[in-house]
PDB file of N, CA and C in Angstrom:
ATOM      1  N   MET A   1      87.135 139.589 102.617  1.00  0.00           N
ATOM      2  CA  MET A   1      86.117 138.554 102.629  1.00  0.00           C
ATOM      3  C   MET A   1      84.766 139.243 102.794  1.00  0.00           C
ATOM      4  N   ALA A   2      83.810 138.827 101.996  1.00  0.00           N
ATOM      5  CA  ALA A   2      82.474 139.407 102.054  1.00  0.00           C
ATOM      6  C   ALA A   2      81.816 139.071 103.379  1.00  0.00           C
ATOM      7  N   PRO A   3      80.988 139.985 103.904  1.00  0.00           N
ATOM      8  CA  PRO A   3      80.316 139.725 105.184  1.00  0.00           C
ATOM      9  C   PRO A   3      79.514 138.422 105.188  1.00  0.00           C
ATOM     10  N   ASP A   4      78.859 138.109 104.085  1.00  0.00           N
ATOM     11  CA  ASP A   4      78.089 136.866 104.018  1.00  0.00           C
ATOM     12  C   ASP A   4      79.000 135.651 104.175  1.00  0.00           C
ATOM     13  N   THR A   5      80.182 135.723 103.569  1.00  0.00           N
ATOM     14  CA  THR A   5      81.135 134.616 103.667  1.00  0.00           C
ATOM     15  C   THR A   5      81.626 134.477 105.100  1.00  0.00           C
ATOM     16  N   ALA A   6      81.945 135.574 105.738  1.00  0.00           N
ATOM     17  CA  ALA A   6      82.416 135.541 107.124  1.00  0.00           C
ATOM     18  C   ALA A   6      81.348 134.955 108.045  1.00  0.00           C
ATOM     19  N   THR A   7      80.095 135.336 107.820  1.00  0.00           N
ATOM     20  CA  THR A   7      78.993 134.808 108.621  1.00  0.00           C
ATOM     21  C   THR A   7      78.839 133.307 108.394  1.00  0.00           C
ATOM     22  N   LEU A   8      78.936 132.898 107.154  1.00  0.00           N
ATOM     23  CA  LEU A   8      78.822 131.483 106.825  1.00  0.00           C
ATOM     24  C   LEU A   8      79.920 130.676 107.518  1.00  0.00           C
ATOM     25  N   ILE A   9      81.143 131.169 107.465  1.00  0.00           N
ATOM     26  CA  ILE A   9      82.256 130.475 108.112  1.00  0.00           C
ATOM     27  C   ILE A   9      82.056 130.433 109.625  1.00  0.00           C
ATOM     28  N   ARG A  10      81.665 131.546 110.218  1.00  0.00           N
ATOM     29  CA  ARG A  10      81.421 131.580 111.664  1.00  0.00           C
ATOM     30  C   ARG A  10      80.361 130.574 112.069  1.00  0.00           C
ATOM     31  N   ASP A  11      79.275 130.536 111.305  1.00  0.00           N
ATOM     32  CA  ASP A  11      78.189 129.609 111.619  1.00  0.00           C
ATOM     33  C   ASP A  11      78.625 128.156 111.429  1.00  0.00           C
ATOM     34  N   ALA A  12      79.412 127.897 110.390  1.00  0.00           N
ATOM     35  CA  ALA A  12      79.884 126.538 110.143  1.00  0.00           C
ATOM     36  C   ALA A  12      80.802 126.069 111.263  1.00  0.00           C
ATOM     37  N   LEU A  13      81.664 126.956 111.740  1.00  0.00           N
ATOM     38  CA  LEU A  13      82.585 126.591 112.815  1.00  0.00           C
ATOM     39  C   LEU A  13      81.864 126.346 114.138  1.00  0.00           C
ATOM     40  N   ALA A  14      80.646 126.833 114.262  1.00  0.00           N
ATOM     41  CA  ALA A  14      79.864 126.607 115.478  1.00  0.00           C
ATOM     42  C   ALA A  14      79.217 125.216 115.493  1.00  0.00           C
ATOM     43  N   LEU A  15      79.235 124.530 114.360  1.00  0.00           N
ATOM     44  CA  LEU A  15      78.662 123.184 114.292  1.00  0.00           C
ATOM     45  C   LEU A  15      79.548 122.199 115.035  1.00  0.00           C
ATOM     46  N   ASP A  16      78.967 121.044 115.411  1.00  0.00           N
ATOM     47  CA  ASP A  16      79.802 120.018 116.036  1.00  0.00           C
ATOM     48  C   ASP A  16      80.669 119.366 114.959  1.00  0.00           C
ATOM     49  N   ALA A  17      81.637 118.580 115.378  1.00  0.00           N
ATOM     50  CA  ALA A  17      82.626 118.010 114.458  1.00  0.00           C
ATOM     51  C   ALA A  17      81.985 117.192 113.342  1.00  0.00           C
ATOM     52  N   ASP A  18      80.997 116.374 113.670  1.00  0.00           N
ATOM     53  CA  ASP A  18      80.348 115.553 112.642  1.00  0.00           C
ATOM     54  C   ASP A  18      79.636 116.416 111.608  1.00  0.00           C
ATOM     55  N   GLN A  19      78.955 117.435 112.064  1.00  0.00           N
ATOM     56  CA  GLN A  19      78.255 118.324 111.138  1.00  0.00           C
ATOM     57  C   GLN A  19      79.249 119.088 110.261  1.00  0.00           C
ATOM     58  N   ARG A  20      80.364 119.540 110.848  1.00  0.00           N
ATOM     59  CA  ARG A  20      81.398 120.229 110.061  1.00  0.00           C
ATOM     60  C   ARG A  20      81.974 119.296 108.998  1.00  0.00           C
ATOM     61  N   ALA A  21      82.135 118.016 109.344  1.00  0.00           N
ATOM     62  CA  ALA A  21      82.671 117.054 108.377  1.00  0.00           C
ATOM     63  C   ALA A  21      81.718 116.895 107.198  1.00  0.00           C
ATOM     64  N   VAL A  22      80.431 116.852 107.466  1.00  0.00           N
ATOM     65  CA  VAL A  22      79.444 116.734 106.391  1.00  0.00           C
ATOM     66  C   VAL A  22      79.510 117.958 105.481  1.00  0.00           C
ATOM     67  N   VAL A  23      79.582 119.141 106.087  1.00  0.00           N
ATOM     68  CA  VAL A  23      79.652 120.382 105.303  1.00  0.00           C
ATOM     69  C   VAL A  23      80.948 120.416 104.494  1.00  0.00           C
ATOM     70  N   ALA A  24      82.067 120.093 105.129  1.00  0.00           N
ATOM     71  CA  ALA A  24      83.355 120.109 104.431  1.00  0.00           C
ATOM     72  C   ALA A  24      83.359 119.135 103.262  1.00  0.00           C
ATOM     73  N   ASN A  25      82.817 117.944 103.471  1.00  0.00           N
ATOM     74  CA  ASN A  25      82.761 116.957 102.397  1.00  0.00           C
ATOM     75  C   ASN A  25      81.911 117.462 101.236  1.00  0.00           C
ATOM     76  N   ALA A  26      80.782 118.055 101.545  1.00  0.00           N
ATOM     77  CA  ALA A  26      79.913 118.577 100.485  1.00  0.00           C
ATOM     78  C   ALA A  26      80.614 119.681  99.701  1.00  0.00           C
ATOM     79  N   LEU A  27      81.350 120.536 100.408  1.00  0.00           N
ATOM     80  CA  LEU A  27      82.076 121.608  99.717  1.00  0.00           C
ATOM     81  C   LEU A  27      83.188 121.035  98.835  1.00  0.00           C
ATOM     82  N   LEU A  28      83.923 120.064  99.347  1.00  0.00           N
ATOM     83  CA  LEU A  28      84.984 119.452  98.545  1.00  0.00           C
ATOM     84  C   LEU A  28      84.426 118.752  97.316  1.00  0.00           C
ATOM     85  N   GLU A  29      83.321 118.039  97.484  1.00  0.00           N
ATOM     86  CA  GLU A  29      82.707 117.362  96.346  1.00  0.00           C
ATOM     87  C   GLU A  29      82.239 118.356  95.290  1.00  0.00           C
ATOM     88  N   SER A  30      81.893 119.566  95.698  1.00  0.00           N
ATOM     89  CA  SER A  30      81.419 120.559  94.734  1.00  0.00           C
ATOM     90  C   SER A  30      82.519 120.965  93.756  1.00  0.00           C
ATOM     91  N   PHE A  31      83.780 120.776  94.117  1.00  0.00           N
ATOM     92  CA  PHE A  31      84.870 121.084  93.203  1.00  0.00           C
ATOM     93  C   PHE A  31      84.970 120.069  92.070  1.00  0.00           C
ATOM     94  N   HIS A  32      84.415 118.910  92.274  1.00  0.00           N
ATOM     95  CA  HIS A  32      84.503 117.841  91.292  1.00  0.00           C
ATOM     96  C   HIS A  32      83.256 117.753  90.428  1.00  0.00           C
ATOM     97  N   GLY A  33      82.434 118.740  90.475  1.00  0.00           N
ATOM     98  CA  GLY A  33      81.230 118.753  89.664  1.00  0.00           C
ATOM     99  C   GLY A  33      80.109 117.968  90.330  1.00  0.00           C
ATOM    100  N   THR A  34      79.010 117.912  89.652  1.00  0.00           N
ATOM    101  CA  THR A  34      77.838 117.247  90.203  1.00  0.00           C
ATOM    102  C   THR A  34      77.602 115.911  89.534  1.00  0.00           C
ATOM    103  N   GLY A  35      78.675 115.307  89.030  1.00  0.00           N
ATOM    104  CA  GLY A  35      78.558 114.027  88.325  1.00  0.00           C
ATOM    105  C   GLY A  35      77.981 112.942  89.208  1.00  0.00           C
ATOM    106  N   ASP A  36      77.503 111.926  88.561  1.00  0.00           N
ATOM    107  CA  ASP A  36      76.901 110.786  89.246  1.00  0.00           C
ATOM    108  C   ASP A  36      77.995 109.964  89.913  1.00  0.00           C
ATOM    109  N   THR A  37      77.873 109.714  91.199  1.00  0.00           N
ATOM    110  CA  THR A  37      78.885 108.956  91.928  1.00  0.00           C
ATOM    111  C   THR A  37      78.568 107.467  91.981  1.00  0.00           C
ATOM    112  N   ASP A  38      77.457 107.044  91.401  1.00  0.00           N
ATOM    113  CA  ASP A  38      77.081 105.630  91.446  1.00  0.00           C
ATOM    114  C   ASP A  38      78.164 104.737  90.832  1.00  0.00           C
ATOM    115  N   GLU A  39      78.752 105.185  89.731  1.00  0.00           N
ATOM    116  CA  GLU A  39      79.776 104.385  89.056  1.00  0.00           C
ATOM    117  C   GLU A  39      81.017 104.224  89.941  1.00  0.00           C
ATOM    118  N   VAL A  40      81.414 105.301  90.593  1.00  0.00           N
ATOM    119  CA  VAL A  40      82.581 105.246  91.487  1.00  0.00           C
ATOM    120  C   VAL A  40      82.272 104.361  92.688  1.00  0.00           C
ATOM    121  N   ASP A  41      81.107 104.533  93.273  1.00  0.00           N
ATOM    122  CA  ASP A  41      80.714 103.701  94.415  1.00  0.00           C
ATOM    123  C   ASP A  41      80.696 102.224  94.033  1.00  0.00           C
ATOM    124  N   ALA A  42      80.188 101.921  92.863  1.00  0.00           N
ATOM    125  CA  ALA A  42      80.127 100.534  92.405  1.00  0.00           C
ATOM    126  C   ALA A  42      81.534  99.970  92.217  1.00  0.00           C
ATOM    127  N   ALA A  43      82.443 100.790  91.690  1.00  0.00           N
ATOM    128  CA  ALA A  43      83.819 100.334  91.496  1.00  0.00           C
ATOM    129  C   ALA A  43      84.486 100.034  92.835  1.00  0.00           C
ATOM    130  N   TRP A  44      84.259 100.892  93.831  1.00  0.00           N
ATOM    131  CA  TRP A  44      84.834 100.638  95.157  1.00  0.00           C
ATOM    132  C   TRP A  44      84.236  99.392  95.792  1.00  0.00           C
ATOM    133  N   ARG A  45      82.932  99.174  95.606  1.00  0.00           N
ATOM    134  CA  ARG A  45      82.310  97.949  96.133  1.00  0.00           C
ATOM    135  C   ARG A  45      82.918  96.707  95.490  1.00  0.00           C
ATOM    136  N   ARG A  46      83.134  96.750  94.166  1.00  0.00           N
ATOM    137  CA  ARG A  46      83.764  95.616  93.484  1.00  0.00           C
ATOM    138  C   ARG A  46      85.170  95.379  94.031  1.00  0.00           C
ATOM    139  N   GLU A  47      85.923  96.439  94.236  1.00  0.00           N
ATOM    140  CA  GLU A  47      87.284  96.309  94.754  1.00  0.00           C
ATOM    141  C   GLU A  47      87.279  95.729  96.168  1.00  0.00           C
ATOM    142  N   ALA A  48      86.403  96.229  97.015  1.00  0.00           N
ATOM    143  CA  ALA A  48      86.320  95.715  98.386  1.00  0.00           C
ATOM    144  C   ALA A  48      85.906  94.245  98.389  1.00  0.00           C
ATOM    145  N   THR A  49      84.969  93.888  97.533  1.00  0.00           N
ATOM    146  CA  THR A  49      84.528  92.491  97.438  1.00  0.00           C
ATOM    147  C   THR A  49      85.669  91.604  96.955  1.00  0.00           C
ATOM    148  N   ARG A  50      86.428  92.072  95.964  1.00  0.00           N
ATOM    149  CA  ARG A  50      87.566  91.314  95.445  1.00  0.00           C
ATOM    150  C   ARG A  50      88.611  91.098  96.540  1.00  0.00           C
ATOM    151  N   ARG A  51      88.926  92.153  97.287  1.00  0.00           N
ATOM    152  CA  ARG A  51      89.930  92.036  98.344  1.00  0.00           C
ATOM    153  C   ARG A  51      89.468  91.101  99.455  1.00  0.00           C
ATOM    154  N   LEU A  52      88.202  91.183  99.816  1.00  0.00           N
ATOM    155  CA  LEU A  52      87.664  90.289 100.844  1.00  0.00           C
ATOM    156  C   LEU A  52      87.750  88.837 100.388  1.00  0.00           C
ATOM    157  N   ALA A  53      87.438  88.599  99.130  1.00  0.00           N
ATOM    158  CA  ALA A  53      87.529  87.235  98.593  1.00  0.00           C
ATOM    159  C   ALA A  53      88.964  86.730  98.659  1.00  0.00           C
ATOM    160  N   GLU A  54      89.942  87.585  98.359  1.00  0.00           N
ATOM    161  CA  GLU A  54      91.349  87.194  98.451  1.00  0.00           C
ATOM    162  C   GLU A  54      91.736  86.833  99.880  1.00  0.00           C
ATOM    163  N   VAL A  55      91.258  87.614 100.847  1.00  0.00           N
ATOM    164  CA  VAL A  55      91.550  87.330 102.255  1.00  0.00           C
ATOM    165  C   VAL A  55      90.940  86.001 102.648  1.00  0.00           C
ATOM    166  N   ARG A  56      89.680  85.812 102.320  1.00  0.00           N
ATOM    167  CA  ARG A  56      88.987  84.569 102.691  1.00  0.00           C
ATOM    168  C   ARG A  56      89.612  83.348 102.035  1.00  0.00           C
ATOM    169  N   ALA A  57      90.151  83.512 100.829  1.00  0.00           N
ATOM    170  CA  ALA A  57      90.760  82.396 100.116  1.00  0.00           C
ATOM    171  C   ALA A  57      92.198  82.138 100.571  1.00  0.00           C
ATOM    172  N   GLY A  58      92.720  83.016 101.418  1.00  0.00           N
ATOM    173  CA  GLY A  58      94.098  82.862 101.870  1.00  0.00           C
ATOM    174  C   GLY A  58      95.112  83.225 100.801  1.00  0.00           C
ATOM    175  N   ALA A  59      94.695  83.991  99.821  1.00  0.00           N
ATOM    176  CA  ALA A  59      95.572  84.360  98.707  1.00  0.00           C
ATOM    177  C   ALA A  59      96.491  85.526  99.028  1.00  0.00           C
ATOM    178  N   VAL A  60      96.249  86.198 100.133  1.00  0.00           N
ATOM    179  CA  VAL A  60      97.088  87.334 100.522  1.00  0.00           C
ATOM    180  C   VAL A  60      97.575  87.130 101.952  1.00  0.00           C
ATOM    181  N   GLU A  61      98.729  87.711 102.234  1.00  0.00           N
ATOM    182  CA  GLU A  61      99.283  87.635 103.587  1.00  0.00           C
ATOM    183  C   GLU A  61      98.814  88.855 104.378  1.00  0.00           C
ATOM    184  N   LEU A  62      98.141  88.617 105.480  1.00  0.00           N
ATOM    185  CA  LEU A  62      97.722  89.710 106.334  1.00  0.00           C
ATOM    186  C   LEU A  62      98.839  90.007 107.318  1.00  0.00           C
ATOM    187  N   VAL A  63      99.141  91.293 107.476  1.00  0.00           N
ATOM    188  CA  VAL A  63     100.210  91.711 108.366  1.00  0.00           C
ATOM    189  C   VAL A  63      99.623  92.674 109.380  1.00  0.00           C
ATOM    190  N   ASP A  64      99.973  92.449 110.644  1.00  0.00           N
ATOM    191  CA  ASP A  64      99.547  93.344 111.708  1.00  0.00           C
ATOM    192  C   ASP A  64     100.056  94.756 111.403  1.00  0.00           C
ATOM    193  N   ALA A  65      99.242  95.764 111.643  1.00  0.00           N
ATOM    194  CA  ALA A  65      99.614  97.142 111.321  1.00  0.00           C
ATOM    195  C   ALA A  65     100.882  97.566 112.051  1.00  0.00           C
ATOM    196  N   ASP A  66     101.018  97.233 113.335  1.00  0.00           N
ATOM    197  CA  ASP A  66     102.222  97.612 114.076  1.00  0.00           C
ATOM    198  C   ASP A  66     103.461  96.971 113.460  1.00  0.00           C
ATOM    199  N   GLU A  67     103.330  95.702 113.057  1.00  0.00           N
ATOM    200  CA  GLU A  67     104.445  95.007 112.413  1.00  0.00           C
ATOM    201  C   GLU A  67     104.797  95.670 111.079  1.00  0.00           C
ATOM    202  N   HIS A  68     103.782  96.025 110.322  1.00  0.00           N
ATOM    203  CA  HIS A  68     104.003  96.679 109.026  1.00  0.00           C
ATOM    204  C   HIS A  68     104.757  97.992 109.208  1.00  0.00           C
ATOM    205  N   TYR A  69     104.313  98.816 110.159  1.00  0.00           N
ATOM    206  CA  TYR A  69     104.964 100.106 110.360  1.00  0.00           C
ATOM    207  C   TYR A  69     106.386  99.933 110.888  1.00  0.00           C
ATOM    208  N   ALA A  70     106.618  98.903 111.695  1.00  0.00           N
ATOM    209  CA  ALA A  70     107.973  98.627 112.172  1.00  0.00           C
ATOM    210  C   ALA A  70     108.871  98.262 110.995  1.00  0.00           C
ATOM    211  N   ARG A  71     108.371  97.413 110.086  1.00  0.00           N
ATOM    212  CA  ARG A  71     109.146  97.058 108.892  1.00  0.00           C
ATOM    213  C   ARG A  71     109.424  98.289 108.038  1.00  0.00           C
ATOM    214  N   LEU A  72     108.424  99.107 107.883  1.00  0.00           N
ATOM    215  CA  LEU A  72     108.567 100.312 107.074  1.00  0.00           C
ATOM    216  C   LEU A  72     109.611 101.257 107.673  1.00  0.00           C
ATOM    217  N   ARG A  73     109.529 101.474 108.991  1.00  0.00           N
ATOM    218  CA  ARG A  73     110.523 102.333 109.651  1.00  0.00           C
ATOM    219  C   ARG A  73     111.928 101.751 109.481  1.00  0.00           C
ATOM    220  N   ALA A  74     112.063 100.446 109.623  1.00  0.00           N
ATOM    221  CA  ALA A  74     113.368  99.796 109.485  1.00  0.00           C
ATOM    222  C   ALA A  74     113.910  99.972 108.074  1.00  0.00           C
ATOM    223  N   SER A  75     113.052  99.858 107.073  1.00  0.00           N
ATOM    224  CA  SER A  75     113.521 100.000 105.689  1.00  0.00           C
ATOM    225  C   SER A  75     113.932 101.433 105.371  1.00  0.00           C
ATOM    226  N   ILE A  76     113.294 102.389 106.020  1.00  0.00           N
ATOM    227  CA  ILE A  76     113.625 103.802 105.785  1.00  0.00           C
ATOM    228  C   ILE A  76     114.964 104.149 106.429  1.00  0.00           C
ATOM    229  N   THR A  77     115.203 103.625 107.613  1.00  0.00           N
ATOM    230  CA  THR A  77     116.439 103.963 108.329  1.00  0.00           C
ATOM    231  C   THR A  77     117.635 103.147 107.844  1.00  0.00           C
ATOM    232  N   ALA A  78     117.384 102.083 107.072  1.00  0.00           N
ATOM    233  CA  ALA A  78     118.484 101.235 106.582  1.00  0.00           C
ATOM    234  C   ALA A  78     119.250 101.887 105.456  1.00  0.00           C
TER     235      ALA A  78
END
């Protein structure tokens, strides 16, 4: 590993958890190119809005997370 890389890693690890998360996210995003994320963000907003509308309309059954995981564990062990 090049000395500059080792220094960069050492300095990054000295950051607090929130700062490390920001750096890690930026590095991960760099693998996907520098494309415009507005389209993806808009798609997620539409999806979240659609799901919220379904909840408000009573079109979906809401299940408590603990109940869901209990059902899931039961189906796996069956």
